[in-house]
Amino acid sequence: MNVAFLGRVAEQPLPYLTSDPEEIQHFELLRSAGLLTGTTSVNEEGVTVSAQITGFTPEGRSLMAMDVQLQRMHLRGLLRRLSLTA
């Protein structure tokens, strides 16, 4: 699961429309995991050509909150180590 992609989506105004194949793949994975909501569009050949991300599920919001807390804990640890070596 790509938490970094969740973070990028969180920085965008919703709905977020993308035609980037890599972002579509991340969206489909995270949607199937129950973390994002939205739809995809396919062309005549059945190939997914775009994704419209409409929001986060409650589970997606919880995961984002956990990620933010982990980043803060990591930063605090780094700051502590820096202050011990100074």
PDB file of N, CA and C in Angstrom:
ATOM      1  N   MET A   1       0.832  -1.182   0.000  1.00  0.00           N
ATOM      2  CA  MET A   1       0.000   0.000   0.000  1.00  0.00           C
ATOM      3  C   MET A   1       0.877   1.246   0.000  1.00  0.00           C
ATOM      4  N   ASN A   2       0.487   2.225  -0.721  1.00  0.00           N
ATOM      5  CA  ASN A   2       1.322   3.401  -0.870  1.00  0.00           C
ATOM      6  C   ASN A   2       0.755   4.569  -0.075  1.00  0.00           C
ATOM      7  N   VAL A   3       1.252   4.713   1.167  1.00  0.00           N
ATOM      8  CA  VAL A   3       0.798   5.789   2.034  1.00  0.00           C
ATOM      9  C   VAL A   3       1.246   7.135   1.478  1.00  0.00           C
ATOM     10  N   ALA A   4       2.367   7.172   0.777  1.00  0.00           N
ATOM     11  CA  ALA A   4       2.833   8.420   0.181  1.00  0.00           C
ATOM     12  C   ALA A   4       1.814   8.937  -0.838  1.00  0.00           C
ATOM     13  N   PHE A   5       1.188   8.041  -1.591  1.00  0.00           N
ATOM     14  CA  PHE A   5       0.165   8.474  -2.541  1.00  0.00           C
ATOM     15  C   PHE A   5      -1.043   9.032  -1.799  1.00  0.00           C
ATOM     16  N   LEU A   6      -1.423   8.425  -0.683  1.00  0.00           N
ATOM     17  CA  LEU A   6      -2.517   8.977   0.128  1.00  0.00           C
ATOM     18  C   LEU A   6      -2.193  10.407   0.542  1.00  0.00           C
ATOM     19  N   GLY A   7      -0.944  10.640   0.917  1.00  0.00           N
ATOM     20  CA  GLY A   7      -0.526  11.979   1.309  1.00  0.00           C
ATOM     21  C   GLY A   7      -0.615  12.961   0.156  1.00  0.00           C
ATOM     22  N   ARG A   8      -0.232  12.516  -1.040  1.00  0.00           N
ATOM     23  CA  ARG A   8      -0.327  13.395  -2.216  1.00  0.00           C
ATOM     24  C   ARG A   8      -1.777  13.734  -2.530  1.00  0.00           C
ATOM     25  N   VAL A   9      -2.663  12.752  -2.394  1.00  0.00           N
ATOM     26  CA  VAL A   9      -4.084  12.993  -2.633  1.00  0.00           C
ATOM     27  C   VAL A   9      -4.626  13.975  -1.592  1.00  0.00           C
ATOM     28  N   ALA A  10      -4.181  13.832  -0.356  1.00  0.00           N
ATOM     29  CA  ALA A  10      -4.656  14.716   0.706  1.00  0.00           C
ATOM     30  C   ALA A  10      -4.291  16.171   0.441  1.00  0.00           C
ATOM     31  N   GLU A  11      -3.241  16.403  -0.315  1.00  0.00           N
ATOM     32  CA  GLU A  11      -2.808  17.760  -0.635  1.00  0.00           C
ATOM     33  C   GLU A  11      -3.574  18.371  -1.810  1.00  0.00           C
ATOM     34  N   GLN A  12      -4.373  17.564  -2.498  1.00  0.00           N
ATOM     35  CA  GLN A  12      -5.097  18.032  -3.692  1.00  0.00           C
ATOM     36  C   GLN A  12      -6.536  18.390  -3.328  1.00  0.00           C
ATOM     37  N   PRO A  13      -7.099  19.367  -4.053  1.00  0.00           N
ATOM     38  CA  PRO A  13      -8.541  19.597  -3.894  1.00  0.00           C
ATOM     39  C   PRO A  13      -9.298  18.398  -4.467  1.00  0.00           C
ATOM     40  N   LEU A  14     -10.360  18.003  -3.804  1.00  0.00           N
ATOM     41  CA  LEU A  14     -11.162  16.873  -4.262  1.00  0.00           C
ATOM     42  C   LEU A  14     -12.429  17.383  -4.921  1.00  0.00           C
ATOM     43  N   PRO A  15     -12.943  16.724  -5.938  1.00  0.00           N
ATOM     44  CA  PRO A  15     -12.401  15.491  -6.499  1.00  0.00           C
ATOM     45  C   PRO A  15     -11.104  15.750  -7.271  1.00  0.00           C
ATOM     46  N   TYR A  16     -10.233  14.754  -7.232  1.00  0.00           N
ATOM     47  CA  TYR A  16      -8.937  14.817  -7.902  1.00  0.00           C
ATOM     48  C   TYR A  16      -8.987  13.900  -9.115  1.00  0.00           C
ATOM     49  N   LEU A  17      -8.761  14.444 -10.288  1.00  0.00           N
ATOM     50  CA  LEU A  17      -8.801  13.677 -11.537  1.00  0.00           C
ATOM     51  C   LEU A  17      -7.377  13.470 -12.039  1.00  0.00           C
ATOM     52  N   THR A  18      -7.055  12.225 -12.378  1.00  0.00           N
ATOM     53  CA  THR A  18      -5.721  11.920 -12.894  1.00  0.00           C
ATOM     54  C   THR A  18      -5.823  10.971 -14.077  1.00  0.00           C
ATOM     55  N   SER A  19      -4.893  11.143 -15.014  1.00  0.00           N
ATOM     56  CA  SER A  19      -4.780  10.204 -16.131  1.00  0.00           C
ATOM     57  C   SER A  19      -3.399   9.547 -16.134  1.00  0.00           C
ATOM     58  N   ASP A  20      -2.631   9.786 -15.064  1.00  0.00           N
ATOM     59  CA  ASP A  20      -1.304   9.191 -14.936  1.00  0.00           C
ATOM     60  C   ASP A  20      -1.460   7.700 -14.600  1.00  0.00           C
ATOM     61  N   PRO A  21      -0.907   6.802 -15.439  1.00  0.00           N
ATOM     62  CA  PRO A  21      -1.081   5.358 -15.215  1.00  0.00           C
ATOM     63  C   PRO A  21      -0.628   4.892 -13.829  1.00  0.00           C
ATOM     64  N   GLU A  22       0.474   5.446 -13.336  1.00  0.00           N
ATOM     65  CA  GLU A  22       0.962   5.037 -12.015  1.00  0.00           C
ATOM     66  C   GLU A  22      -0.012   5.473 -10.910  1.00  0.00           C
ATOM     67  N   GLU A  23      -0.528   6.689 -11.022  1.00  0.00           N
ATOM     68  CA  GLU A  23      -1.494   7.162 -10.022  1.00  0.00           C
ATOM     69  C   GLU A  23      -2.794   6.368 -10.090  1.00  0.00           C
ATOM     70  N   ILE A  24      -3.217   6.014 -11.301  1.00  0.00           N
ATOM     71  CA  ILE A  24      -4.423   5.190 -11.449  1.00  0.00           C
ATOM     72  C   ILE A  24      -4.223   3.857 -10.747  1.00  0.00           C
ATOM     73  N   GLN A  25      -3.046   3.272 -10.936  1.00  0.00           N
ATOM     74  CA  GLN A  25      -2.748   1.981 -10.300  1.00  0.00           C
ATOM     75  C   GLN A  25      -2.777   2.108  -8.777  1.00  0.00           C
ATOM     76  N   HIS A  26      -2.162   3.178  -8.240  1.00  0.00           N
ATOM     77  CA  HIS A  26      -2.194   3.404  -6.788  1.00  0.00           C
ATOM     78  C   HIS A  26      -3.633   3.572  -6.307  1.00  0.00           C
ATOM     79  N   PHE A  27      -4.415   4.373  -7.050  1.00  0.00           N
ATOM     80  CA  PHE A  27      -5.807   4.597  -6.666  1.00  0.00           C
ATOM     81  C   PHE A  27      -6.579   3.286  -6.629  1.00  0.00           C
ATOM     82  N   GLU A  28      -6.453   2.475  -7.682  1.00  0.00           N
ATOM     83  CA  GLU A  28      -7.198   1.214  -7.735  1.00  0.00           C
ATOM     84  C   GLU A  28      -6.830   0.297  -6.572  1.00  0.00           C
ATOM     85  N   LEU A  29      -5.556   0.257  -6.238  1.00  0.00           N
ATOM     86  CA  LEU A  29      -5.103  -0.562  -5.115  1.00  0.00           C
ATOM     87  C   LEU A  29      -5.683  -0.043  -3.797  1.00  0.00           C
ATOM     88  N   LEU A  30      -5.593   1.269  -3.591  1.00  0.00           N
ATOM     89  CA  LEU A  30      -6.068   1.847  -2.332  1.00  0.00           C
ATOM     90  C   LEU A  30      -7.591   1.828  -2.243  1.00  0.00           C
ATOM     91  N   ARG A  31      -8.264   1.953  -3.367  1.00  0.00           N
ATOM     92  CA  ARG A  31      -9.724   1.835  -3.364  1.00  0.00           C
ATOM     93  C   ARG A  31     -10.130   0.408  -3.018  1.00  0.00           C
ATOM     94  N   SER A  32      -9.441  -0.574  -3.594  1.00  0.00           N
ATOM     95  CA  SER A  32      -9.782  -1.965  -3.301  1.00  0.00           C
ATOM     96  C   SER A  32      -9.471  -2.324  -1.847  1.00  0.00           C
ATOM     97  N   ALA A  33      -8.530  -1.593  -1.240  1.00  0.00           N
ATOM     98  CA  ALA A  33      -8.210  -1.807   0.175  1.00  0.00           C
ATOM     99  C   ALA A  33      -9.180  -1.064   1.092  1.00  0.00           C
ATOM    100  N   GLY A  34     -10.095  -0.292   0.491  1.00  0.00           N
ATOM    101  CA  GLY A  34     -11.089   0.417   1.283  1.00  0.00           C
ATOM    102  C   GLY A  34     -10.590   1.705   1.902  1.00  0.00           C
ATOM    103  N   LEU A  35      -9.589   2.346   1.268  1.00  0.00           N
ATOM    104  CA  LEU A  35      -9.011   3.567   1.830  1.00  0.00           C
ATOM    105  C   LEU A  35      -9.405   4.826   1.064  1.00  0.00           C
ATOM    106  N   LEU A  36      -9.732   4.694  -0.228  1.00  0.00           N
ATOM    107  CA  LEU A  36     -10.134   5.834  -1.048  1.00  0.00           C
ATOM    108  C   LEU A  36     -11.459   5.526  -1.730  1.00  0.00           C
ATOM    109  N   THR A  37     -12.175   6.598  -2.091  1.00  0.00           N
ATOM    110  CA  THR A  37     -13.399   6.443  -2.877  1.00  0.00           C
ATOM    111  C   THR A  37     -13.223   7.158  -4.202  1.00  0.00           C
ATOM    112  N   GLY A  38     -13.936   6.690  -5.209  1.00  0.00           N
ATOM    113  CA  GLY A  38     -13.867   7.314  -6.518  1.00  0.00           C
ATOM    114  C   GLY A  38     -14.206   6.326  -7.611  1.00  0.00           C
ATOM    115  N   THR A  39     -13.981   6.773  -8.838  1.00  0.00           N
ATOM    116  CA  THR A  39     -14.329   5.971 -10.004  1.00  0.00           C
ATOM    117  C   THR A  39     -13.193   6.001 -11.023  1.00  0.00           C
ATOM    118  N   THR A  40     -13.240   5.051 -11.946  1.00  0.00           N
ATOM    119  CA  THR A  40     -12.299   5.035 -13.060  1.00  0.00           C
ATOM    120  C   THR A  40     -13.090   5.045 -14.359  1.00  0.00           C
ATOM    121  N   SER A  41     -12.433   5.510 -15.416  1.00  0.00           N
ATOM    122  CA  SER A  41     -13.013   5.506 -16.764  1.00  0.00           C
ATOM    123  C   SER A  41     -12.139   4.651 -17.656  1.00  0.00           C
ATOM    124  N   VAL A  42     -12.801   3.918 -18.554  1.00  0.00           N
ATOM    125  CA  VAL A  42     -12.068   3.067 -19.493  1.00  0.00           C
ATOM    126  C   VAL A  42     -12.368   3.507 -20.919  1.00  0.00           C
ATOM    127  N   ASN A  43     -11.418   3.217 -21.818  1.00  0.00           N
ATOM    128  CA  ASN A  43     -11.630   3.519 -23.232  1.00  0.00           C
ATOM    129  C   ASN A  43     -12.320   2.331 -23.912  1.00  0.00           C
ATOM    130  N   GLU A  44     -12.464   2.409 -25.239  1.00  0.00           N
ATOM    131  CA  GLU A  44     -13.158   1.363 -25.996  1.00  0.00           C
ATOM    132  C   GLU A  44     -12.495  -0.012 -25.865  1.00  0.00           C
ATOM    133  N   GLU A  45     -11.180  -0.006 -25.650  1.00  0.00           N
ATOM    134  CA  GLU A  45     -10.451  -1.270 -25.520  1.00  0.00           C
ATOM    135  C   GLU A  45     -10.516  -1.836 -24.100  1.00  0.00           C
ATOM    136  N   GLY A  46     -11.162  -1.120 -23.197  1.00  0.00           N
ATOM    137  CA  GLY A  46     -11.272  -1.592 -21.823  1.00  0.00           C
ATOM    138  C   GLY A  46     -10.099  -1.209 -20.947  1.00  0.00           C
ATOM    139  N   VAL A  47      -9.236  -0.320 -21.439  1.00  0.00           N
ATOM    140  CA  VAL A  47      -8.065   0.120 -20.685  1.00  0.00           C
ATOM    141  C   VAL A  47      -8.463   1.318 -19.809  1.00  0.00           C
ATOM    142  N   THR A  48      -8.108   1.267 -18.550  1.00  0.00           N
ATOM    143  CA  THR A  48      -8.407   2.375 -17.649  1.00  0.00           C
ATOM    144  C   THR A  48      -7.578   3.580 -18.054  1.00  0.00           C
ATOM    145  N   VAL A  49      -8.250   4.714 -18.297  1.00  0.00           N
ATOM    146  CA  VAL A  49      -7.557   5.899 -18.797  1.00  0.00           C
ATOM    147  C   VAL A  49      -7.577   7.059 -17.804  1.00  0.00           C
ATOM    148  N   SER A  50      -8.453   6.997 -16.803  1.00  0.00           N
ATOM    149  CA  SER A  50      -8.467   8.073 -15.809  1.00  0.00           C
ATOM    150  C   SER A  50      -9.115   7.579 -14.526  1.00  0.00           C
ATOM    151  N   ALA A  51      -8.820   8.307 -13.462  1.00  0.00           N
ATOM    152  CA  ALA A  51      -9.431   8.032 -12.163  1.00  0.00           C
ATOM    153  C   ALA A  51      -9.868   9.358 -11.566  1.00  0.00           C
ATOM    154  N   GLN A  52     -11.047   9.345 -10.985  1.00  0.00           N
ATOM    155  CA  GLN A  52     -11.533  10.506 -10.252  1.00  0.00           C
ATOM    156  C   GLN A  52     -11.638  10.094  -8.796  1.00  0.00           C
ATOM    157  N   ILE A  53     -10.767  10.671  -7.979  1.00  0.00           N
ATOM    158  CA  ILE A  53     -10.720  10.347  -6.561  1.00  0.00           C
ATOM    159  C   ILE A  53     -11.615  11.349  -5.842  1.00  0.00           C
ATOM    160  N   THR A  54     -12.616  10.830  -5.151  1.00  0.00           N
ATOM    161  CA  THR A  54     -13.599  11.717  -4.527  1.00  0.00           C
ATOM    162  C   THR A  54     -13.399  11.886  -3.025  1.00  0.00           C
ATOM    163  N   GLY A  55     -12.654  11.003  -2.395  1.00  0.00           N
ATOM    164  CA  GLY A  55     -12.449  11.181  -0.960  1.00  0.00           C
ATOM    165  C   GLY A  55     -11.758  10.010  -0.296  1.00  0.00           C
ATOM    166  N   PHE A  56     -11.658  10.137   1.017  1.00  0.00           N
ATOM    167  CA  PHE A  56     -11.067   9.114   1.870  1.00  0.00           C
ATOM    168  C   PHE A  56     -12.174   8.403   2.628  1.00  0.00           C
ATOM    169  N   THR A  57     -12.020   7.122   2.815  1.00  0.00           N
ATOM    170  CA  THR A  57     -12.934   6.399   3.689  1.00  0.00           C
ATOM    171  C   THR A  57     -12.490   6.666   5.131  1.00  0.00           C
ATOM    172  N   PRO A  58     -13.316   6.313   6.115  1.00  0.00           N
ATOM    173  CA  PRO A  58     -12.866   6.462   7.506  1.00  0.00           C
ATOM    174  C   PRO A  58     -11.549   5.723   7.772  1.00  0.00           C
ATOM    175  N   GLU A  59     -11.374   4.557   7.155  1.00  0.00           N
ATOM    176  CA  GLU A  59     -10.129   3.804   7.325  1.00  0.00           C
ATOM    177  C   GLU A  59      -8.953   4.552   6.694  1.00  0.00           C
ATOM    178  N   GLY A  60      -9.189   5.178   5.552  1.00  0.00           N
ATOM    179  CA  GLY A  60      -8.143   5.963   4.898  1.00  0.00           C
ATOM    180  C   GLY A  60      -7.723   7.157   5.739  1.00  0.00           C
ATOM    181  N   ARG A  61      -8.710   7.825   6.341  1.00  0.00           N
ATOM    182  CA  ARG A  61      -8.384   8.954   7.222  1.00  0.00           C
ATOM    183  C   ARG A  61      -7.607   8.489   8.448  1.00  0.00           C
ATOM    184  N   SER A  62      -7.986   7.346   8.994  1.00  0.00           N
ATOM    185  CA  SER A  62      -7.266   6.802  10.159  1.00  0.00           C
ATOM    186  C   SER A  62      -5.819   6.475   9.813  1.00  0.00           C
ATOM    187  N   LEU A  63      -5.610   5.868   8.648  1.00  0.00           N
ATOM    188  CA  LEU A  63      -4.250   5.537   8.229  1.00  0.00           C
ATOM    189  C   LEU A  63      -3.423   6.801   8.044  1.00  0.00           C
ATOM    190  N   MET A  64      -4.014   7.840   7.457  1.00  0.00           N
ATOM    191  CA  MET A  64      -3.299   9.107   7.293  1.00  0.00           C
ATOM    192  C   MET A  64      -2.920   9.692   8.651  1.00  0.00           C
ATOM    193  N   ALA A  65      -3.834   9.637   9.609  1.00  0.00           N
ATOM    194  CA  ALA A  65      -3.556  10.167  10.948  1.00  0.00           C
ATOM    195  C   ALA A  65      -2.431   9.387  11.608  1.00  0.00           C
ATOM    196  N   MET A  66      -2.426   8.057  11.434  1.00  0.00           N
ATOM    197  CA  MET A  66      -1.340   7.247  12.008  1.00  0.00           C
ATOM    198  C   MET A  66      -0.008   7.600  11.366  1.00  0.00           C
ATOM    199  N   ASP A  67      -0.010   7.794  10.049  1.00  0.00           N
ATOM    200  CA  ASP A  67       1.218   8.135   9.349  1.00  0.00           C
ATOM    201  C   ASP A  67       1.772   9.466   9.846  1.00  0.00           C
ATOM    202  N   VAL A  68       0.912  10.446  10.048  1.00  0.00           N
ATOM    203  CA  VAL A  68       1.346  11.746  10.564  1.00  0.00           C
ATOM    204  C   VAL A  68       1.953  11.582  11.951  1.00  0.00           C
ATOM    205  N   GLN A  69       1.319  10.782  12.798  1.00  0.00           N
ATOM    206  CA  GLN A  69       1.854  10.566  14.149  1.00  0.00           C
ATOM    207  C   GLN A  69       3.211   9.871  14.100  1.00  0.00           C
ATOM    208  N   LEU A  70       3.364   8.886  13.220  1.00  0.00           N
ATOM    209  CA  LEU A  70       4.652   8.202  13.098  1.00  0.00           C
ATOM    210  C   LEU A  70       5.739   9.155  12.620  1.00  0.00           C
ATOM    211  N   GLN A  71       5.401  10.038  11.688  1.00  0.00           N
ATOM    212  CA  GLN A  71       6.377  11.017  11.209  1.00  0.00           C
ATOM    213  C   GLN A  71       6.787  11.955  12.338  1.00  0.00           C
ATOM    214  N   ARG A  72       5.833  12.372  13.159  1.00  0.00           N
ATOM    215  CA  ARG A  72       6.144  13.246  14.290  1.00  0.00           C
ATOM    216  C   ARG A  72       7.051  12.540  15.296  1.00  0.00           C
ATOM    217  N   MET A  73       6.746  11.261  15.564  1.00  0.00           N
ATOM    218  CA  MET A  73       7.578  10.505  16.501  1.00  0.00           C
ATOM    219  C   MET A  73       8.994  10.376  15.963  1.00  0.00           C
ATOM    220  N   HIS A  74       9.124  10.113  14.681  1.00  0.00           N
ATOM    221  CA  HIS A  74      10.438   9.985  14.049  1.00  0.00           C
ATOM    222  C   HIS A  74      11.203  11.299  14.156  1.00  0.00           C
ATOM    223  N   LEU A  75      10.513  12.408  13.878  1.00  0.00           N
ATOM    224  CA  LEU A  75      11.137  13.722  13.959  1.00  0.00           C
ATOM    225  C   LEU A  75      11.585  14.023  15.384  1.00  0.00           C
ATOM    226  N   ARG A  76      10.742  13.709  16.367  1.00  0.00           N
ATOM    227  CA  ARG A  76      11.128  13.927  17.771  1.00  0.00           C
ATOM    228  C   ARG A  76      12.377  13.133  18.122  1.00  0.00           C
ATOM    229  N   GLY A  77      12.433  11.877  17.645  1.00  0.00           N
ATOM    230  CA  GLY A  77      13.605  11.048  17.909  1.00  0.00           C
ATOM    231  C   GLY A  77      14.858  11.637  17.290  1.00  0.00           C
ATOM    232  N   LEU A  78      14.735  12.134  16.063  1.00  0.00           N
ATOM    233  CA  LEU A  78      15.884  12.766  15.402  1.00  0.00           C
ATOM    234  C   LEU A  78      16.332  14.009  16.171  1.00  0.00           C
ATOM    235  N   LEU A  79      15.379  14.820  16.598  1.00  0.00           N
ATOM    236  CA  LEU A  79      15.721  16.031  17.344  1.00  0.00           C
ATOM    237  C   LEU A  79      16.396  15.684  18.672  1.00  0.00           C
ATOM    238  N   ARG A  80      15.902  14.651  19.335  1.00  0.00           N
ATOM    239  CA  ARG A  80      16.532  14.213  20.590  1.00  0.00           C
ATOM    240  C   ARG A  80      17.968  13.780  20.357  1.00  0.00           C
ATOM    241  N   ARG A  81      18.176  12.993  19.305  1.00  0.00           N
ATOM    242  CA  ARG A  81      19.538  12.530  18.997  1.00  0.00           C
ATOM    243  C   ARG A  81      20.456  13.699  18.668  1.00  0.00           C
ATOM    244  N   LEU A  82      19.936  14.673  17.942  1.00  0.00           N
ATOM    245  CA  LEU A  82      20.744  15.842  17.624  1.00  0.00           C
ATOM    246  C   LEU A  82      21.103  16.634  18.873  1.00  0.00           C
ATOM    247  N   SER A  83      20.154  16.752  19.789  1.00  0.00           N
ATOM    248  CA  SER A  83      20.439  17.526  21.002  1.00  0.00           C
ATOM    249  C   SER A  83      21.417  16.771  21.915  1.00  0.00           C
ATOM    250  N   LEU A  84      21.427  15.448  21.854  1.00  0.00           N
ATOM    251  CA  LEU A  84      22.368  14.677  22.681  1.00  0.00           C
ATOM    252  C   LEU A  84      23.792  14.777  22.131  1.00  0.00           C
ATOM    253  N   THR A  85      23.922  14.952  20.824  1.00  0.00           N
ATOM    254  CA  THR A  85      25.257  15.004  20.229  1.00  0.00           C
ATOM    255  C   THR A  85      25.817  16.408  20.222  1.00  0.00           C
ATOM    256  N   ALA A  86      24.992  17.402  20.508  1.00  0.00           N
ATOM    257  CA  ALA A  86      25.451  18.795  20.475  1.00  0.00           C
ATOM    258  C   ALA A  86      26.201  19.170  21.728  1.00  0.00           C
TER     259      ALA A  86
END
